[in-house]
Amino acid sequence: MKKKVIHFITALIIYGLIGWLMTYFLEDENHNPWFFILFWAVSMALAELFIFEKIRNRKKK
């Protein structure tokens, strides 16, 4: 359980930085770029934890 929490927090940080870079370089006309960054980071971290990790583990076997 502790490993999953650490994995989730790390994914939040990484995807948060990617979301910030996307809003910075694409110069999107979002009214609230922080909402996009937060939504992107949380949704991708959850997808990483529940979907991508399971697919990666199945490919290893």
PDB file of N, CA and C in Angstrom:
ATOM      1  N   MET A   1       0.826  -1.198   0.000  1.00  0.00           N
ATOM      2  CA  MET A   1       0.000   0.000   0.000  1.00  0.00           C
ATOM      3  C   MET A   1       0.866   1.256   0.000  1.00  0.00           C
ATOM      4  N   LYS A   2       1.950   1.234   0.787  1.00  0.00           N
ATOM      5  CA  LYS A   2       2.843   2.379   0.858  1.00  0.00           C
ATOM      6  C   LYS A   2       3.505   2.630  -0.494  1.00  0.00           C
ATOM      7  N   LYS A   3       3.801   1.538  -1.207  1.00  0.00           N
ATOM      8  CA  LYS A   3       4.423   1.654  -2.526  1.00  0.00           C
ATOM      9  C   LYS A   3       3.468   2.327  -3.521  1.00  0.00           C
ATOM     10  N   LYS A   4       2.180   2.006  -3.437  1.00  0.00           N
ATOM     11  CA  LYS A   4       1.195   2.613  -4.338  1.00  0.00           C
ATOM     12  C   LYS A   4       1.014   4.101  -4.050  1.00  0.00           C
ATOM     13  N   VAL A   5       1.057   4.484  -2.783  1.00  0.00           N
ATOM     14  CA  VAL A   5       0.932   5.904  -2.421  1.00  0.00           C
ATOM     15  C   VAL A   5       2.129   6.684  -2.949  1.00  0.00           C
ATOM     16  N   ILE A   6       3.317   6.142  -2.790  1.00  0.00           N
ATOM     17  CA  ILE A   6       4.521   6.791  -3.300  1.00  0.00           C
ATOM     18  C   ILE A   6       4.469   6.885  -4.819  1.00  0.00           C
ATOM     19  N   HIS A   7       4.015   5.825  -5.466  1.00  0.00           N
ATOM     20  CA  HIS A   7       3.876   5.813  -6.926  1.00  0.00           C
ATOM     21  C   HIS A   7       2.884   6.889  -7.375  1.00  0.00           C
ATOM     22  N   PHE A   8       1.768   7.036  -6.670  1.00  0.00           N
ATOM     23  CA  PHE A   8       0.750   8.026  -7.014  1.00  0.00           C
ATOM     24  C   PHE A   8       1.283   9.449  -6.835  1.00  0.00           C
ATOM     25  N   ILE A   9       1.977   9.713  -5.739  1.00  0.00           N
ATOM     26  CA  ILE A   9       2.513  11.048  -5.492  1.00  0.00           C
ATOM     27  C   ILE A   9       3.577  11.398  -6.532  1.00  0.00           C
ATOM     28  N   THR A  10       4.421  10.444  -6.869  1.00  0.00           N
ATOM     29  CA  THR A  10       5.428  10.679  -7.891  1.00  0.00           C
ATOM     30  C   THR A  10       4.782  10.955  -9.239  1.00  0.00           C
ATOM     31  N   ALA A  11       3.743  10.187  -9.572  1.00  0.00           N
ATOM     32  CA  ALA A  11       3.035  10.417 -10.836  1.00  0.00           C
ATOM     33  C   ALA A  11       2.363  11.784 -10.849  1.00  0.00           C
ATOM     34  N   LEU A  12       1.815  12.222  -9.713  1.00  0.00           N
ATOM     35  CA  LEU A  12       1.218  13.562  -9.626  1.00  0.00           C
ATOM     36  C   LEU A  12       2.251  14.644  -9.927  1.00  0.00           C
ATOM     37  N   ILE A  13       3.430  14.502  -9.372  1.00  0.00           N
ATOM     38  CA  ILE A  13       4.483  15.491  -9.588  1.00  0.00           C
ATOM     39  C   ILE A  13       4.907  15.509 -11.049  1.00  0.00           C
ATOM     40  N   ILE A  14       5.153  14.338 -11.613  1.00  0.00           N
ATOM     41  CA  ILE A  14       5.628  14.265 -12.997  1.00  0.00           C
ATOM     42  C   ILE A  14       4.562  14.760 -13.965  1.00  0.00           C
ATOM     43  N   TYR A  15       3.328  14.291 -13.822  1.00  0.00           N
ATOM     44  CA  TYR A  15       2.281  14.725 -14.735  1.00  0.00           C
ATOM     45  C   TYR A  15       1.897  16.183 -14.492  1.00  0.00           C
ATOM     46  N   GLY A  16       2.057  16.681 -13.292  1.00  0.00           N
ATOM     47  CA  GLY A  16       1.841  18.100 -13.033  1.00  0.00           C
ATOM     48  C   GLY A  16       2.845  18.963 -13.779  1.00  0.00           C
ATOM     49  N   LEU A  17       4.105  18.537 -13.778  1.00  0.00           N
ATOM     50  CA  LEU A  17       5.122  19.265 -14.539  1.00  0.00           C
ATOM     51  C   LEU A  17       4.854  19.201 -16.034  1.00  0.00           C
ATOM     52  N   ILE A  18       4.429  18.042 -16.526  1.00  0.00           N
ATOM     53  CA  ILE A  18       4.107  17.919 -17.944  1.00  0.00           C
ATOM     54  C   ILE A  18       2.923  18.813 -18.301  1.00  0.00           C
ATOM     55  N   GLY A  19       1.912  18.854 -17.456  1.00  0.00           N
ATOM     56  CA  GLY A  19       0.764  19.730 -17.692  1.00  0.00           C
ATOM     57  C   GLY A  19       1.160  21.190 -17.692  1.00  0.00           C
ATOM     58  N   TRP A  20       2.041  21.571 -16.763  1.00  0.00           N
ATOM     59  CA  TRP A  20       2.512  22.949 -16.735  1.00  0.00           C
ATOM     60  C   TRP A  20       3.288  23.282 -18.005  1.00  0.00           C
ATOM     61  N   LEU A  21       4.149  22.356 -18.459  1.00  0.00           N
ATOM     62  CA  LEU A  21       4.903  22.588 -19.694  1.00  0.00           C
ATOM     63  C   LEU A  21       3.971  22.711 -20.896  1.00  0.00           C
ATOM     64  N   MET A  22       2.917  21.904 -20.939  1.00  0.00           N
ATOM     65  CA  MET A  22       1.964  22.003 -22.047  1.00  0.00           C
ATOM     66  C   MET A  22       1.280  23.355 -22.059  1.00  0.00           C
ATOM     67  N   THR A  23       0.858  23.858 -20.912  1.00  0.00           N
ATOM     68  CA  THR A  23       0.191  25.162 -20.885  1.00  0.00           C
ATOM     69  C   THR A  23       1.188  26.293 -21.168  1.00  0.00           C
ATOM     70  N   TYR A  24       2.432  26.115 -20.769  1.00  0.00           N
ATOM     71  CA  TYR A  24       3.434  27.154 -20.981  1.00  0.00           C
ATOM     72  C   TYR A  24       3.831  27.260 -22.453  1.00  0.00           C
ATOM     73  N   PHE A  25       4.128  26.126 -23.082  1.00  0.00           N
ATOM     74  CA  PHE A  25       4.625  26.160 -24.452  1.00  0.00           C
ATOM     75  C   PHE A  25       3.517  26.276 -25.493  1.00  0.00           C
ATOM     76  N   LEU A  26       2.351  25.735 -25.218  1.00  0.00           N
ATOM     77  CA  LEU A  26       1.274  25.823 -26.193  1.00  0.00           C
ATOM     78  C   LEU A  26       0.516  27.140 -26.102  1.00  0.00           C
ATOM     79  N   GLU A  27       0.711  27.878 -25.022  1.00  0.00           N
ATOM     80  CA  GLU A  27       0.060  29.163 -24.806  1.00  0.00           C
ATOM     81  C   GLU A  27      -1.434  29.092 -25.104  1.00  0.00           C
ATOM     82  N   ASP A  28      -2.054  28.114 -24.504  1.00  0.00           N
ATOM     83  CA  ASP A  28      -3.494  27.914 -24.701  1.00  0.00           C
ATOM     84  C   ASP A  28      -4.264  29.051 -24.046  1.00  0.00           C
ATOM     85  N   GLU A  29      -5.396  29.371 -24.605  1.00  0.00           N
ATOM     86  CA  GLU A  29      -6.217  30.465 -24.102  1.00  0.00           C
ATOM     87  C   GLU A  29      -7.177  30.009 -23.002  1.00  0.00           C
ATOM     88  N   ASN A  30      -6.733  29.098 -22.171  1.00  0.00           N
ATOM     89  CA  ASN A  30      -7.561  28.657 -21.048  1.00  0.00           C
ATOM     90  C   ASN A  30      -7.780  29.813 -20.082  1.00  0.00           C
ATOM     91  N   HIS A  31      -8.976  29.911 -19.562  1.00  0.00           N
ATOM     92  CA  HIS A  31      -9.263  30.942 -18.580  1.00  0.00           C
ATOM     93  C   HIS A  31      -8.595  30.622 -17.249  1.00  0.00           C
ATOM     94  N   ASN A  32      -8.442  29.333 -16.974  1.00  0.00           N
ATOM     95  CA  ASN A  32      -7.823  28.924 -15.726  1.00  0.00           C
ATOM     96  C   ASN A  32      -6.855  27.774 -16.010  1.00  0.00           C
ATOM     97  N   PRO A  33      -5.588  28.076 -16.311  1.00  0.00           N
ATOM     98  CA  PRO A  33      -4.643  27.009 -16.644  1.00  0.00           C
ATOM     99  C   PRO A  33      -4.350  26.084 -15.463  1.00  0.00           C
ATOM    100  N   TRP A  34      -4.502  26.579 -14.224  1.00  0.00           N
ATOM    101  CA  TRP A  34      -4.221  25.726 -13.071  1.00  0.00           C
ATOM    102  C   TRP A  34      -5.257  24.621 -12.934  1.00  0.00           C
ATOM    103  N   PHE A  35      -6.498  24.878 -13.357  1.00  0.00           N
ATOM    104  CA  PHE A  35      -7.505  23.829 -13.354  1.00  0.00           C
ATOM    105  C   PHE A  35      -7.101  22.732 -14.321  1.00  0.00           C
ATOM    106  N   PHE A  36      -6.628  23.119 -15.514  1.00  0.00           N
ATOM    107  CA  PHE A  36      -6.180  22.126 -16.490  1.00  0.00           C
ATOM    108  C   PHE A  36      -5.009  21.322 -15.949  1.00  0.00           C
ATOM    109  N   ILE A  37      -4.036  22.003 -15.347  1.00  0.00           N
ATOM    110  CA  ILE A  37      -2.861  21.311 -14.818  1.00  0.00           C
ATOM    111  C   ILE A  37      -3.267  20.326 -13.729  1.00  0.00           C
ATOM    112  N   LEU A  38      -4.123  20.756 -12.818  1.00  0.00           N
ATOM    113  CA  LEU A  38      -4.572  19.888 -11.732  1.00  0.00           C
ATOM    114  C   LEU A  38      -5.389  18.712 -12.268  1.00  0.00           C
ATOM    115  N   PHE A  39      -6.313  18.988 -13.184  1.00  0.00           N
ATOM    116  CA  PHE A  39      -7.129  17.917 -13.765  1.00  0.00           C
ATOM    117  C   PHE A  39      -6.257  16.927 -14.525  1.00  0.00           C
ATOM    118  N   TRP A  40      -5.320  17.426 -15.317  1.00  0.00           N
ATOM    119  CA  TRP A  40      -4.422  16.573 -16.096  1.00  0.00           C
ATOM    120  C   TRP A  40      -3.576  15.691 -15.169  1.00  0.00           C
ATOM    121  N   ALA A  41      -3.006  16.283 -14.144  1.00  0.00           N
ATOM    122  CA  ALA A  41      -2.119  15.546 -13.249  1.00  0.00           C
ATOM    123  C   ALA A  41      -2.875  14.467 -12.489  1.00  0.00           C
ATOM    124  N   VAL A  42      -4.030  14.785 -11.942  1.00  0.00           N
ATOM    125  CA  VAL A  42      -4.788  13.801 -11.166  1.00  0.00           C
ATOM    126  C   VAL A  42      -5.307  12.687 -12.063  1.00  0.00           C
ATOM    127  N   SER A  43      -5.865  13.026 -13.221  1.00  0.00           N
ATOM    128  CA  SER A  43      -6.418  11.994 -14.093  1.00  0.00           C
ATOM    129  C   SER A  43      -5.323  11.074 -14.637  1.00  0.00           C
ATOM    130  N   MET A  44      -4.193  11.633 -15.027  1.00  0.00           N
ATOM    131  CA  MET A  44      -3.109  10.795 -15.544  1.00  0.00           C
ATOM    132  C   MET A  44      -2.456   9.971 -14.440  1.00  0.00           C
ATOM    133  N   ALA A  45      -2.368  10.506 -13.225  1.00  0.00           N
ATOM    134  CA  ALA A  45      -1.799   9.737 -12.115  1.00  0.00           C
ATOM    135  C   ALA A  45      -2.705   8.554 -11.768  1.00  0.00           C
ATOM    136  N   LEU A  46      -4.013   8.785 -11.795  1.00  0.00           N
ATOM    137  CA  LEU A  46      -4.944   7.680 -11.545  1.00  0.00           C
ATOM    138  C   LEU A  46      -4.888   6.641 -12.663  1.00  0.00           C
ATOM    139  N   ALA A  47      -4.786   7.111 -13.895  1.00  0.00           N
ATOM    140  CA  ALA A  47      -4.658   6.171 -15.014  1.00  0.00           C
ATOM    141  C   ALA A  47      -3.358   5.380 -14.908  1.00  0.00           C
ATOM    142  N   GLU A  48      -2.294   6.037 -14.522  1.00  0.00           N
ATOM    143  CA  GLU A  48      -1.012   5.360 -14.331  1.00  0.00           C
ATOM    144  C   GLU A  48      -1.116   4.284 -13.254  1.00  0.00           C
ATOM    145  N   LEU A  49      -1.773   4.616 -12.176  1.00  0.00           N
ATOM    146  CA  LEU A  49      -1.860   3.704 -11.037  1.00  0.00           C
ATOM    147  C   LEU A  49      -2.756   2.507 -11.332  1.00  0.00           C
ATOM    148  N   PHE A  50      -3.901   2.744 -11.966  1.00  0.00           N
ATOM    149  CA  PHE A  50      -4.878   1.676 -12.131  1.00  0.00           C
ATOM    150  C   PHE A  50      -4.873   1.009 -13.507  1.00  0.00           C
ATOM    151  N   ILE A  51      -4.353   1.665 -14.529  1.00  0.00           N
ATOM    152  CA  ILE A  51      -4.422   1.086 -15.871  1.00  0.00           C
ATOM    153  C   ILE A  51      -3.029   0.754 -16.407  1.00  0.00           C
ATOM    154  N   PHE A  52      -2.165   1.780 -16.514  1.00  0.00           N
ATOM    155  CA  PHE A  52      -0.869   1.591 -17.162  1.00  0.00           C
ATOM    156  C   PHE A  52       0.023   0.621 -16.405  1.00  0.00           C
ATOM    157  N   GLU A  53      -0.023   0.681 -15.089  1.00  0.00           N
ATOM    158  CA  GLU A  53       0.816  -0.215 -14.286  1.00  0.00           C
ATOM    159  C   GLU A  53       0.400  -1.677 -14.477  1.00  0.00           C
ATOM    160  N   LYS A  54      -0.893  -1.929 -14.558  1.00  0.00           N
ATOM    161  CA  LYS A  54      -1.367  -3.302 -14.762  1.00  0.00           C
ATOM    162  C   LYS A  54      -0.991  -3.817 -16.140  1.00  0.00           C
ATOM    163  N   ILE A  55      -1.068  -2.963 -17.147  1.00  0.00           N
ATOM    164  CA  ILE A  55      -0.672  -3.367 -18.498  1.00  0.00           C
ATOM    165  C   ILE A  55       0.821  -3.671 -18.535  1.00  0.00           C
ATOM    166  N   ARG A  56       1.617  -2.821 -17.883  1.00  0.00           N
ATOM    167  CA  ARG A  56       3.056  -3.040 -17.839  1.00  0.00           C
ATOM    168  C   ARG A  56       3.397  -4.344 -17.127  1.00  0.00           C
ATOM    169  N   ASN A  57       2.685  -4.660 -16.044  1.00  0.00           N
ATOM    170  CA  ASN A  57       2.943  -5.915 -15.308  1.00  0.00           C
ATOM    171  C   ASN A  57       2.547  -7.122 -16.131  1.00  0.00           C
ATOM    172  N   ARG A  58       1.482  -7.034 -16.920  1.00  0.00           N
ATOM    173  CA  ARG A  58       1.073  -8.154 -17.772  1.00  0.00           C
ATOM    174  C   ARG A  58       2.088  -8.404 -18.879  1.00  0.00           C
ATOM    175  N   LYS A  59       2.691  -7.351 -19.408  1.00  0.00           N
ATOM    176  CA  LYS A  59       3.687  -7.515 -20.459  1.00  0.00           C
ATOM    177  C   LYS A  59       4.964  -8.135 -19.939  1.00  0.00           C
ATOM    178  N   LYS A  60       5.268  -7.926 -18.659  1.00  0.00           N
ATOM    179  CA  LYS A  60       6.462  -8.506 -18.066  1.00  0.00           C
ATOM    180  C   LYS A  60       6.355 -10.025 -17.968  1.00  0.00           C
ATOM    181  N   LYS A  61       5.148 -10.520 -17.747  1.00  0.00           N
ATOM    182  CA  LYS A  61       4.969 -11.969 -17.539  1.00  0.00           C
ATOM    183  C   LYS A  61       5.009 -12.742 -18.811  1.00  0.00           C
TER     184      LYS A  61
END
